[in-house]
Full PDB file with SEQRES, HELIX, SHEET, SSBOND, CRYST1, ORIGX, SCALE, CONECT and MASTER records, all heavy atoms in Angstrom:
SEQRES   1 A   37  GLU MET GLY MET THR PRO ALA GLU ALA VAL TRP ALA ALA          
SEQRES   2 A   37  THR ALA GLY GLY ALA ALA ALA LEU ARG ARG ALA ASP VAL          
SEQRES   3 A   37  GLY VAL LEU ARG PRO GLY ALA ARG ALA ASP LEU                  
HELIX    1 AA1 PRO A    6  TRP A   11  1                                   6    
HELIX    2 AA2 ALA A   12  GLY A   16  3                                   5    
HELIX    3 AA3 GLY A   17  ALA A   20  1                                   4    
CRYST1    1.000    1.000    1.000  90.00  90.00  90.00 P 1           1          
ORIGX1      1.000000  0.000000  0.000000        0.00000                         
ORIGX2      0.000000  1.000000  0.000000        0.00000                         
ORIGX3      0.000000  0.000000  1.000000        0.00000                         
SCALE1      1.000000  0.000000  0.000000        0.00000                         
SCALE2      0.000000  1.000000  0.000000        0.00000                         
SCALE3      0.000000  0.000000  1.000000        0.00000                         
ATOM      1  N   GLU A   1      27.144   2.254   5.517  1.00  0.00           N  
ATOM      2  CA  GLU A   1      27.760   1.126   4.819  1.00  0.00           C  
ATOM      3  C   GLU A   1      26.816   0.307   3.950  1.00  0.00           C  
ATOM      4  O   GLU A   1      27.282  -0.502   3.151  1.00  0.00           O  
ATOM      5  CB  GLU A   1      28.401   0.174   5.844  1.00  0.00           C  
ATOM      6  CG  GLU A   1      29.454   0.808   6.733  1.00  0.00           C  
ATOM      7  CD  GLU A   1      30.736   1.159   5.983  1.00  0.00           C  
ATOM      8  OE1 GLU A   1      30.904   0.706   4.831  1.00  0.00           O  
ATOM      9  OE2 GLU A   1      31.563   1.885   6.548  1.00  0.00           O  
ATOM     10  N   MET A   2      25.502   0.489   4.091  1.00  0.00           N  
ATOM     11  CA  MET A   2      24.575  -0.439   3.444  1.00  0.00           C  
ATOM     12  C   MET A   2      23.591   0.241   2.495  1.00  0.00           C  
ATOM     13  O   MET A   2      22.674  -0.395   2.001  1.00  0.00           O  
ATOM     14  CB  MET A   2      23.805  -1.231   4.518  1.00  0.00           C  
ATOM     15  CG  MET A   2      24.703  -2.202   5.263  1.00  0.00           C  
ATOM     16  SD  MET A   2      24.065  -2.775   6.871  1.00  0.00           S  
ATOM     17  CE  MET A   2      22.373  -3.144   6.517  1.00  0.00           C  
ATOM     18  N   GLY A   3      23.767   1.526   2.257  1.00  0.00           N  
ATOM     19  CA  GLY A   3      22.957   2.203   1.250  1.00  0.00           C  
ATOM     20  C   GLY A   3      21.584   2.634   1.702  1.00  0.00           C  
ATOM     21  O   GLY A   3      20.735   2.961   0.867  1.00  0.00           O  
ATOM     22  N   MET A   4      21.331   2.653   3.002  1.00  0.00           N  
ATOM     23  CA  MET A   4      20.020   3.068   3.494  1.00  0.00           C  
ATOM     24  C   MET A   4      20.008   4.570   3.760  1.00  0.00           C  
ATOM     25  O   MET A   4      21.016   5.146   4.170  1.00  0.00           O  
ATOM     26  CB  MET A   4      19.651   2.324   4.781  1.00  0.00           C  
ATOM     27  CG  MET A   4      19.598   0.823   4.641  1.00  0.00           C  
ATOM     28  SD  MET A   4      19.046  -0.029   6.163  1.00  0.00           S  
ATOM     29  CE  MET A   4      17.266   0.050   5.958  1.00  0.00           C  
ATOM     30  N   THR A   5      18.858   5.196   3.542  1.00  0.00           N  
ATOM     31  CA  THR A   5      18.695   6.575   3.977  1.00  0.00           C  
ATOM     32  C   THR A   5      18.453   6.586   5.483  1.00  0.00           C  
ATOM     33  O   THR A   5      18.051   5.563   6.069  1.00  0.00           O  
ATOM     34  CB  THR A   5      17.512   7.249   3.274  1.00  0.00           C  
ATOM     35  OG1 THR A   5      16.284   6.623   3.727  1.00  0.00           O  
ATOM     36  CG2 THR A   5      17.612   7.124   1.751  1.00  0.00           C  
ATOM     37  N   PRO A   6      18.659   7.711   6.148  1.00  0.00           N  
ATOM     38  CA  PRO A   6      18.346   7.760   7.588  1.00  0.00           C  
ATOM     39  C   PRO A   6      16.903   7.381   7.891  1.00  0.00           C  
ATOM     40  O   PRO A   6      16.638   6.663   8.865  1.00  0.00           O  
ATOM     41  CB  PRO A   6      18.646   9.218   7.962  1.00  0.00           C  
ATOM     42  CG  PRO A   6      19.724   9.629   6.998  1.00  0.00           C  
ATOM     43  CD  PRO A   6      19.348   8.946   5.712  1.00  0.00           C  
ATOM     44  N   ALA A   7      15.960   7.816   7.065  1.00  0.00           N  
ATOM     45  CA  ALA A   7      14.555   7.477   7.301  1.00  0.00           C  
ATOM     46  C   ALA A   7      14.321   5.980   7.148  1.00  0.00           C  
ATOM     47  O   ALA A   7      13.602   5.365   7.949  1.00  0.00           O  
ATOM     48  CB  ALA A   7      13.652   8.255   6.345  1.00  0.00           C  
ATOM     49  N   GLU A   8      14.920   5.367   6.124  1.00  0.00           N  
ATOM     50  CA  GLU A   8      14.760   3.917   5.936  1.00  0.00           C  
ATOM     51  C   GLU A   8      15.343   3.146   7.109  1.00  0.00           C  
ATOM     52  O   GLU A   8      14.770   2.134   7.554  1.00  0.00           O  
ATOM     53  CB  GLU A   8      15.437   3.488   4.637  1.00  0.00           C  
ATOM     54  CG  GLU A   8      14.701   3.943   3.389  1.00  0.00           C  
ATOM     55  CD  GLU A   8      15.517   3.774   2.116  1.00  0.00           C  
ATOM     56  OE1 GLU A   8      16.768   3.684   2.201  1.00  0.00           O  
ATOM     57  OE2 GLU A   8      14.922   3.757   1.028  1.00  0.00           O  
ATOM     58  N   ALA A   9      16.479   3.602   7.622  1.00  0.00           N  
ATOM     59  CA  ALA A   9      17.111   2.899   8.728  1.00  0.00           C  
ATOM     60  C   ALA A   9      16.283   3.027  10.008  1.00  0.00           C  
ATOM     61  O   ALA A   9      16.138   2.055  10.759  1.00  0.00           O  
ATOM     62  CB  ALA A   9      18.523   3.441   8.945  1.00  0.00           C  
ATOM     63  N   VAL A  10      15.732   4.212  10.279  1.00  0.00           N  
ATOM     64  CA  VAL A  10      14.880   4.378  11.458  1.00  0.00           C  
ATOM     65  C   VAL A  10      13.652   3.484  11.345  1.00  0.00           C  
ATOM     66  O   VAL A  10      13.261   2.814  12.308  1.00  0.00           O  
ATOM     67  CB  VAL A  10      14.477   5.857  11.628  1.00  0.00           C  
ATOM     68  CG1 VAL A  10      13.333   6.000  12.635  1.00  0.00           C  
ATOM     69  CG2 VAL A  10      15.680   6.676  12.077  1.00  0.00           C  
ATOM     70  N   TRP A  11      13.033   3.441  10.175  1.00  0.00           N  
ATOM     71  CA  TRP A  11      11.860   2.579   9.987  1.00  0.00           C  
ATOM     72  C   TRP A  11      12.239   1.111  10.199  1.00  0.00           C  
ATOM     73  O   TRP A  11      11.530   0.360  10.875  1.00  0.00           O  
ATOM     74  CB  TRP A  11      11.281   2.770   8.585  1.00  0.00           C  
ATOM     75  CG  TRP A  11       9.929   2.150   8.407  1.00  0.00           C  
ATOM     76  CD1 TRP A  11       8.724   2.748   8.541  1.00  0.00           C  
ATOM     77  CD2 TRP A  11       9.654   0.771   8.065  1.00  0.00           C  
ATOM     78  NE1 TRP A  11       7.702   1.855   8.318  1.00  0.00           N  
ATOM     79  CE2 TRP A  11       8.238   0.636   8.026  1.00  0.00           C  
ATOM     80  CE3 TRP A  11      10.443  -0.339   7.796  1.00  0.00           C  
ATOM     81  CZ2 TRP A  11       7.621  -0.582   7.721  1.00  0.00           C  
ATOM     82  CZ3 TRP A  11       9.827  -1.546   7.504  1.00  0.00           C  
ATOM     83  CH2 TRP A  11       8.433  -1.660   7.465  1.00  0.00           C  
ATOM     84  N   ALA A  12      13.384   0.699   9.638  1.00  0.00           N  
ATOM     85  CA  ALA A  12      13.805  -0.700   9.745  1.00  0.00           C  
ATOM     86  C   ALA A  12      14.114  -1.083  11.189  1.00  0.00           C  
ATOM     87  O   ALA A  12      13.929  -2.243  11.582  1.00  0.00           O  
ATOM     88  CB  ALA A  12      15.026  -0.942   8.863  1.00  0.00           C  
ATOM     89  N   ALA A  13      14.579  -0.130  11.999  1.00  0.00           N  
ATOM     90  CA  ALA A  13      14.938  -0.407  13.385  1.00  0.00           C  
ATOM     91  C   ALA A  13      13.737  -0.348  14.323  1.00  0.00           C  
ATOM     92  O   ALA A  13      13.865  -0.690  15.502  1.00  0.00           O  
ATOM     93  CB  ALA A  13      15.993   0.599  13.851  1.00  0.00           C  
ATOM     94  N   THR A  14      12.600   0.058  13.817  1.00  0.00           N  
ATOM     95  CA  THR A  14      11.385   0.168  14.635  1.00  0.00           C  
ATOM     96  C   THR A  14      10.272  -0.670  14.013  1.00  0.00           C  
ATOM     97  O   THR A  14      10.061  -1.817  14.396  1.00  0.00           O  
ATOM     98  CB  THR A  14      10.980   1.644  14.782  1.00  0.00           C  
ATOM     99  OG1 THR A  14      10.919   2.277  13.483  1.00  0.00           O  
ATOM    100  CG2 THR A  14      11.980   2.405  15.637  1.00  0.00           C  
ATOM    101  N   ALA A  15       9.599  -0.130  13.006  1.00  0.00           N  
ATOM    102  CA  ALA A  15       8.511  -0.867  12.359  1.00  0.00           C  
ATOM    103  C   ALA A  15       9.009  -2.121  11.653  1.00  0.00           C  
ATOM    104  O   ALA A  15       8.311  -3.137  11.606  1.00  0.00           O  
ATOM    105  CB  ALA A  15       7.787   0.044  11.365  1.00  0.00           C  
ATOM    106  N   GLY A  16      10.214  -2.071  11.081  1.00  0.00           N  
ATOM    107  CA  GLY A  16      10.765  -3.261  10.426  1.00  0.00           C  
ATOM    108  C   GLY A  16      11.001  -4.386  11.407  1.00  0.00           C  
ATOM    109  O   GLY A  16      10.688  -5.546  11.132  1.00  0.00           O  
ATOM    110  N   GLY A  17      11.557  -4.057  12.572  1.00  0.00           N  
ATOM    111  CA  GLY A  17      11.751  -5.076  13.602  1.00  0.00           C  
ATOM    112  C   GLY A  17      10.438  -5.651  14.083  1.00  0.00           C  
ATOM    113  O   GLY A  17      10.328  -6.860  14.343  1.00  0.00           O  
ATOM    114  N   ALA A  18       9.415  -4.784  14.194  1.00  0.00           N  
ATOM    115  CA  ALA A  18       8.087  -5.279  14.586  1.00  0.00           C  
ATOM    116  C   ALA A  18       7.540  -6.245  13.543  1.00  0.00           C  
ATOM    117  O   ALA A  18       6.957  -7.286  13.887  1.00  0.00           O  
ATOM    118  CB  ALA A  18       7.135  -4.106  14.779  1.00  0.00           C  
ATOM    119  N   ALA A  19       7.736  -5.926  12.263  1.00  0.00           N  
ATOM    120  CA  ALA A  19       7.279  -6.826  11.196  1.00  0.00           C  
ATOM    121  C   ALA A  19       8.019  -8.160  11.268  1.00  0.00           C  
ATOM    122  O   ALA A  19       7.431  -9.226  11.042  1.00  0.00           O  
ATOM    123  CB  ALA A  19       7.495  -6.179   9.831  1.00  0.00           C  
ATOM    124  N   ALA A  20       9.312  -8.124  11.604  1.00  0.00           N  
ATOM    125  CA  ALA A  20      10.093  -9.361  11.713  1.00  0.00           C  
ATOM    126  C   ALA A  20       9.611 -10.235  12.867  1.00  0.00           C  
ATOM    127  O   ALA A  20       9.822 -11.447  12.853  1.00  0.00           O  
ATOM    128  CB  ALA A  20      11.572  -9.031  11.889  1.00  0.00           C  
ATOM    129  N   LEU A  21       8.972  -9.618  13.859  1.00  0.00           N  
ATOM    130  CA  LEU A  21       8.399 -10.369  14.974  1.00  0.00           C  
ATOM    131  C   LEU A  21       6.892 -10.556  14.827  1.00  0.00           C  
ATOM    132  O   LEU A  21       6.234 -11.080  15.731  1.00  0.00           O  
ATOM    133  CB  LEU A  21       8.695  -9.651  16.299  1.00  0.00           C  
ATOM    134  CG  LEU A  21      10.163  -9.580  16.702  1.00  0.00           C  
ATOM    135  CD1 LEU A  21      10.335  -8.741  17.965  1.00  0.00           C  
ATOM    136  CD2 LEU A  21      10.747 -10.971  16.905  1.00  0.00           C  
ATOM    137  N   ARG A  22       6.354 -10.105  13.697  1.00  0.00           N  
ATOM    138  CA  ARG A  22       4.910 -10.152  13.444  1.00  0.00           C  
ATOM    139  C   ARG A  22       4.131  -9.551  14.612  1.00  0.00           C  
ATOM    140  O   ARG A  22       3.173 -10.131  15.108  1.00  0.00           O  
ATOM    141  CB  ARG A  22       4.474 -11.577  13.092  1.00  0.00           C  
ATOM    142  CG  ARG A  22       5.103 -12.004  11.757  1.00  0.00           C  
ATOM    143  CD  ARG A  22       4.520 -13.243  11.144  1.00  0.00           C  
ATOM    144  NE  ARG A  22       5.054 -13.406   9.787  1.00  0.00           N  
ATOM    145  CZ  ARG A  22       5.089 -14.541   9.120  1.00  0.00           C  
ATOM    146  NH1 ARG A  22       4.613 -15.640   9.668  1.00  0.00           N  
ATOM    147  NH2 ARG A  22       5.566 -14.585   7.892  1.00  0.00           N  
ATOM    148  N   ARG A  23       4.572  -8.348  14.980  1.00  0.00           N  
ATOM    149  CA  ARG A  23       3.939  -7.587  16.046  1.00  0.00           C  
ATOM    150  C   ARG A  23       3.339  -6.314  15.452  1.00  0.00           C  
ATOM    151  O   ARG A  23       4.009  -5.584  14.726  1.00  0.00           O  
ATOM    152  CB  ARG A  23       4.968  -7.206  17.116  1.00  0.00           C  
ATOM    153  CG  ARG A  23       5.640  -8.368  17.830  1.00  0.00           C  
ATOM    154  CD  ARG A  23       4.803  -8.886  18.980  1.00  0.00           C  
ATOM    155  NE  ARG A  23       4.558  -7.879  19.986  1.00  0.00           N  
ATOM    156  CZ  ARG A  23       5.366  -7.639  21.031  1.00  0.00           C  
ATOM    157  NH1 ARG A  23       6.482  -8.340  21.195  1.00  0.00           N  
ATOM    158  NH2 ARG A  23       5.048  -6.723  21.927  1.00  0.00           N  
ATOM    159  N   ALA A  24       2.109  -6.017  15.798  1.00  0.00           N  
ATOM    160  CA  ALA A  24       1.465  -4.783  15.343  1.00  0.00           C  
ATOM    161  C   ALA A  24       1.361  -3.748  16.450  1.00  0.00           C  
ATOM    162  O   ALA A  24       0.956  -2.612  16.203  1.00  0.00           O  
ATOM    163  CB  ALA A  24       0.061  -5.089  14.798  1.00  0.00           C  
ATOM    164  N   ASP A  25       1.753  -4.129  17.667  1.00  0.00           N  
ATOM    165  CA  ASP A  25       1.570  -3.244  18.821  1.00  0.00           C  
ATOM    166  C   ASP A  25       2.806  -2.449  19.173  1.00  0.00           C  
ATOM    167  O   ASP A  25       2.757  -1.572  20.041  1.00  0.00           O  
ATOM    168  CB  ASP A  25       1.129  -4.063  20.035  1.00  0.00           C  
ATOM    169  CG  ASP A  25       2.144  -5.139  20.414  1.00  0.00           C  
ATOM    170  OD1 ASP A  25       2.836  -5.658  19.505  1.00  0.00           O  
ATOM    171  OD2 ASP A  25       2.253  -5.472  21.616  1.00  0.00           O  
ATOM    172  N   VAL A  26       3.929  -2.724  18.524  1.00  0.00           N  
ATOM    173  CA  VAL A  26       5.178  -2.020  18.809  1.00  0.00           C  
ATOM    174  C   VAL A  26       5.768  -1.507  17.504  1.00  0.00           C  
ATOM    175  O   VAL A  26       5.317  -1.855  16.407  1.00  0.00           O  
ATOM    176  CB  VAL A  26       6.185  -2.931  19.536  1.00  0.00           C  
ATOM    177  CG1 VAL A  26       5.657  -3.339  20.900  1.00  0.00           C  
ATOM    178  CG2 VAL A  26       6.528  -4.173  18.703  1.00  0.00           C  
ATOM    179  N   GLY A  27       6.779  -0.641  17.621  1.00  0.00           N  
ATOM    180  CA  GLY A  27       7.431  -0.101  16.433  1.00  0.00           C  
ATOM    181  C   GLY A  27       6.635   0.987  15.746  1.00  0.00           C  
ATOM    182  O   GLY A  27       7.024   1.471  14.683  1.00  0.00           O  
ATOM    183  N   VAL A  28       5.531   1.392  16.346  1.00  0.00           N  
ATOM    184  CA  VAL A  28       4.644   2.399  15.760  1.00  0.00           C  
ATOM    185  C   VAL A  28       4.027   3.186  16.907  1.00  0.00           C  
ATOM    186  O   VAL A  28       3.865   2.667  18.026  1.00  0.00           O  
ATOM    187  CB  VAL A  28       3.547   1.716  14.907  1.00  0.00           C  
ATOM    188  CG1 VAL A  28       2.650   0.829  15.755  1.00  0.00           C  
ATOM    189  CG2 VAL A  28       2.720   2.735  14.145  1.00  0.00           C  
ATOM    190  N   LEU A  29       3.722   4.447  16.670  1.00  0.00           N  
ATOM    191  CA  LEU A  29       3.025   5.273  17.651  1.00  0.00           C  
ATOM    192  C   LEU A  29       1.719   5.737  17.036  1.00  0.00           C  
ATOM    193  O   LEU A  29       1.696   6.583  16.139  1.00  0.00           O  
ATOM    194  CB  LEU A  29       3.899   6.470  18.060  1.00  0.00           C  
ATOM    195  CG  LEU A  29       5.179   6.115  18.810  1.00  0.00           C  
ATOM    196  CD1 LEU A  29       6.027   7.359  19.047  1.00  0.00           C  
ATOM    197  CD2 LEU A  29       4.878   5.403  20.135  1.00  0.00           C  
ATOM    198  N   ARG A  30       0.625   5.131  17.506  1.00  0.00           N  
ATOM    199  CA  ARG A  30      -0.724   5.480  17.075  1.00  0.00           C  
ATOM    200  C   ARG A  30      -1.677   5.012  18.178  1.00  0.00           C  
ATOM    201  O   ARG A  30      -1.305   4.151  18.995  1.00  0.00           O  
ATOM    202  CB  ARG A  30      -1.078   4.816  15.747  1.00  0.00           C  
ATOM    203  CG  ARG A  30      -1.076   3.304  15.778  1.00  0.00           C  
ATOM    204  CD  ARG A  30      -1.335   2.696  14.418  1.00  0.00           C  
ATOM    205  NE  ARG A  30      -1.135   1.262  14.432  1.00  0.00           N  
ATOM    206  CZ  ARG A  30      -0.682   0.562  13.404  1.00  0.00           C  
ATOM    207  NH1 ARG A  30      -0.394   1.165  12.264  1.00  0.00           N  
ATOM    208  NH2 ARG A  30      -0.527  -0.752  13.503  1.00  0.00           N  
ATOM    209  N   PRO A  31      -2.864   5.554  18.230  1.00  0.00           N  
ATOM    210  CA  PRO A  31      -3.793   5.128  19.287  1.00  0.00           C  
ATOM    211  C   PRO A  31      -3.973   3.607  19.300  1.00  0.00           C  
ATOM    212  O   PRO A  31      -4.198   2.980  18.266  1.00  0.00           O  
ATOM    213  CB  PRO A  31      -5.088   5.860  18.919  1.00  0.00           C  
ATOM    214  CG  PRO A  31      -4.608   7.110  18.254  1.00  0.00           C  
ATOM    215  CD  PRO A  31      -3.409   6.680  17.447  1.00  0.00           C  
ATOM    216  N   GLY A  32      -3.822   3.026  20.492  1.00  0.00           N  
ATOM    217  CA  GLY A  32      -3.939   1.588  20.664  1.00  0.00           C  
ATOM    218  C   GLY A  32      -2.618   0.864  20.682  1.00  0.00           C  
ATOM    219  O   GLY A  32      -2.548  -0.284  21.139  1.00  0.00           O  
ATOM    220  N   ALA A  33      -1.539   1.486  20.190  1.00  0.00           N  
ATOM    221  CA  ALA A  33      -0.220   0.859  20.226  1.00  0.00           C  
ATOM    222  C   ALA A  33       0.361   0.960  21.624  1.00  0.00           C  
ATOM    223  O   ALA A  33      -0.046   1.789  22.439  1.00  0.00           O  
ATOM    224  CB  ALA A  33       0.710   1.533  19.226  1.00  0.00           C  
ATOM    225  N   ARG A  34       1.319   0.102  21.902  1.00  0.00           N  
ATOM    226  CA  ARG A  34       1.982   0.148  23.191  1.00  0.00           C  
ATOM    227  C   ARG A  34       2.759   1.461  23.300  1.00  0.00           C  
ATOM    228  O   ARG A  34       3.399   1.895  22.326  1.00  0.00           O  
ATOM    229  CB  ARG A  34       2.925  -1.045  23.339  1.00  0.00           C  
ATOM    230  CG  ARG A  34       3.177  -1.436  24.783  1.00  0.00           C  
ATOM    231  CD  ARG A  34       3.792  -2.808  24.889  1.00  0.00           C  
ATOM    232  NE  ARG A  34       5.200  -2.802  24.519  1.00  0.00           N  
ATOM    233  CZ  ARG A  34       5.972  -3.885  24.550  1.00  0.00           C  
ATOM    234  NH1 ARG A  34       5.475  -5.048  24.885  1.00  0.00           N  
ATOM    235  NH2 ARG A  34       7.242  -3.808  24.222  1.00  0.00           N  
ATOM    236  N   ALA A  35       2.719   2.084  24.456  1.00  0.00           N  
ATOM    237  CA  ALA A  35       3.378   3.380  24.643  1.00  0.00           C  
ATOM    238  C   ALA A  35       4.855   3.175  24.939  1.00  0.00           C  
ATOM    239  O   ALA A  35       5.349   3.422  26.034  1.00  0.00           O  
ATOM    240  CB  ALA A  35       2.697   4.162  25.749  1.00  0.00           C  
ATOM    241  N   ASP A  36       5.574   2.679  23.921  1.00  0.00           N  
ATOM    242  CA  ASP A  36       7.024   2.525  23.962  1.00  0.00           C  
ATOM    243  C   ASP A  36       7.611   3.629  23.097  1.00  0.00           C  
ATOM    244  O   ASP A  36       7.406   3.625  21.868  1.00  0.00           O  
ATOM    245  CB  ASP A  36       7.446   1.167  23.400  1.00  0.00           C  
ATOM    246  CG  ASP A  36       7.095   0.005  24.309  1.00  0.00           C  
ATOM    247  OD1 ASP A  36       6.627   0.255  25.438  1.00  0.00           O  
ATOM    248  OD2 ASP A  36       7.285  -1.142  23.878  1.00  0.00           O  
ATOM    249  N   LEU A  37       8.325   4.544  23.693  1.00  0.00           N  
ATOM    250  CA  LEU A  37       8.852   5.647  22.900  1.00  0.00           C  
ATOM    251  C   LEU A  37      10.154   6.157  23.473  1.00  0.00           C  
ATOM    252  O   LEU A  37      10.467   5.956  24.656  1.00  0.00           O  
ATOM    253  CB  LEU A  37       7.820   6.768  22.785  1.00  0.00           C  
ATOM    254  CG  LEU A  37       7.253   7.343  24.073  1.00  0.00           C  
ATOM    255  CD1 LEU A  37       7.926   8.653  24.422  1.00  0.00           C  
ATOM    256  CD2 LEU A  37       5.754   7.558  23.909  1.00  0.00           C  
TER     257      LEU A  37                                                      
MASTER        0    0    0    3    0    0    0    6  256    1    0    3          
END                                                                             
């Protein structure tokens, strides 16, 4: 309904939400990030 690609929506629901909370430890999987998956 909103014109997003599947990749954009997945990013917005993970890394985008982390950016909205100004969090660098969640919404991403890389060494040092919280193991939320």
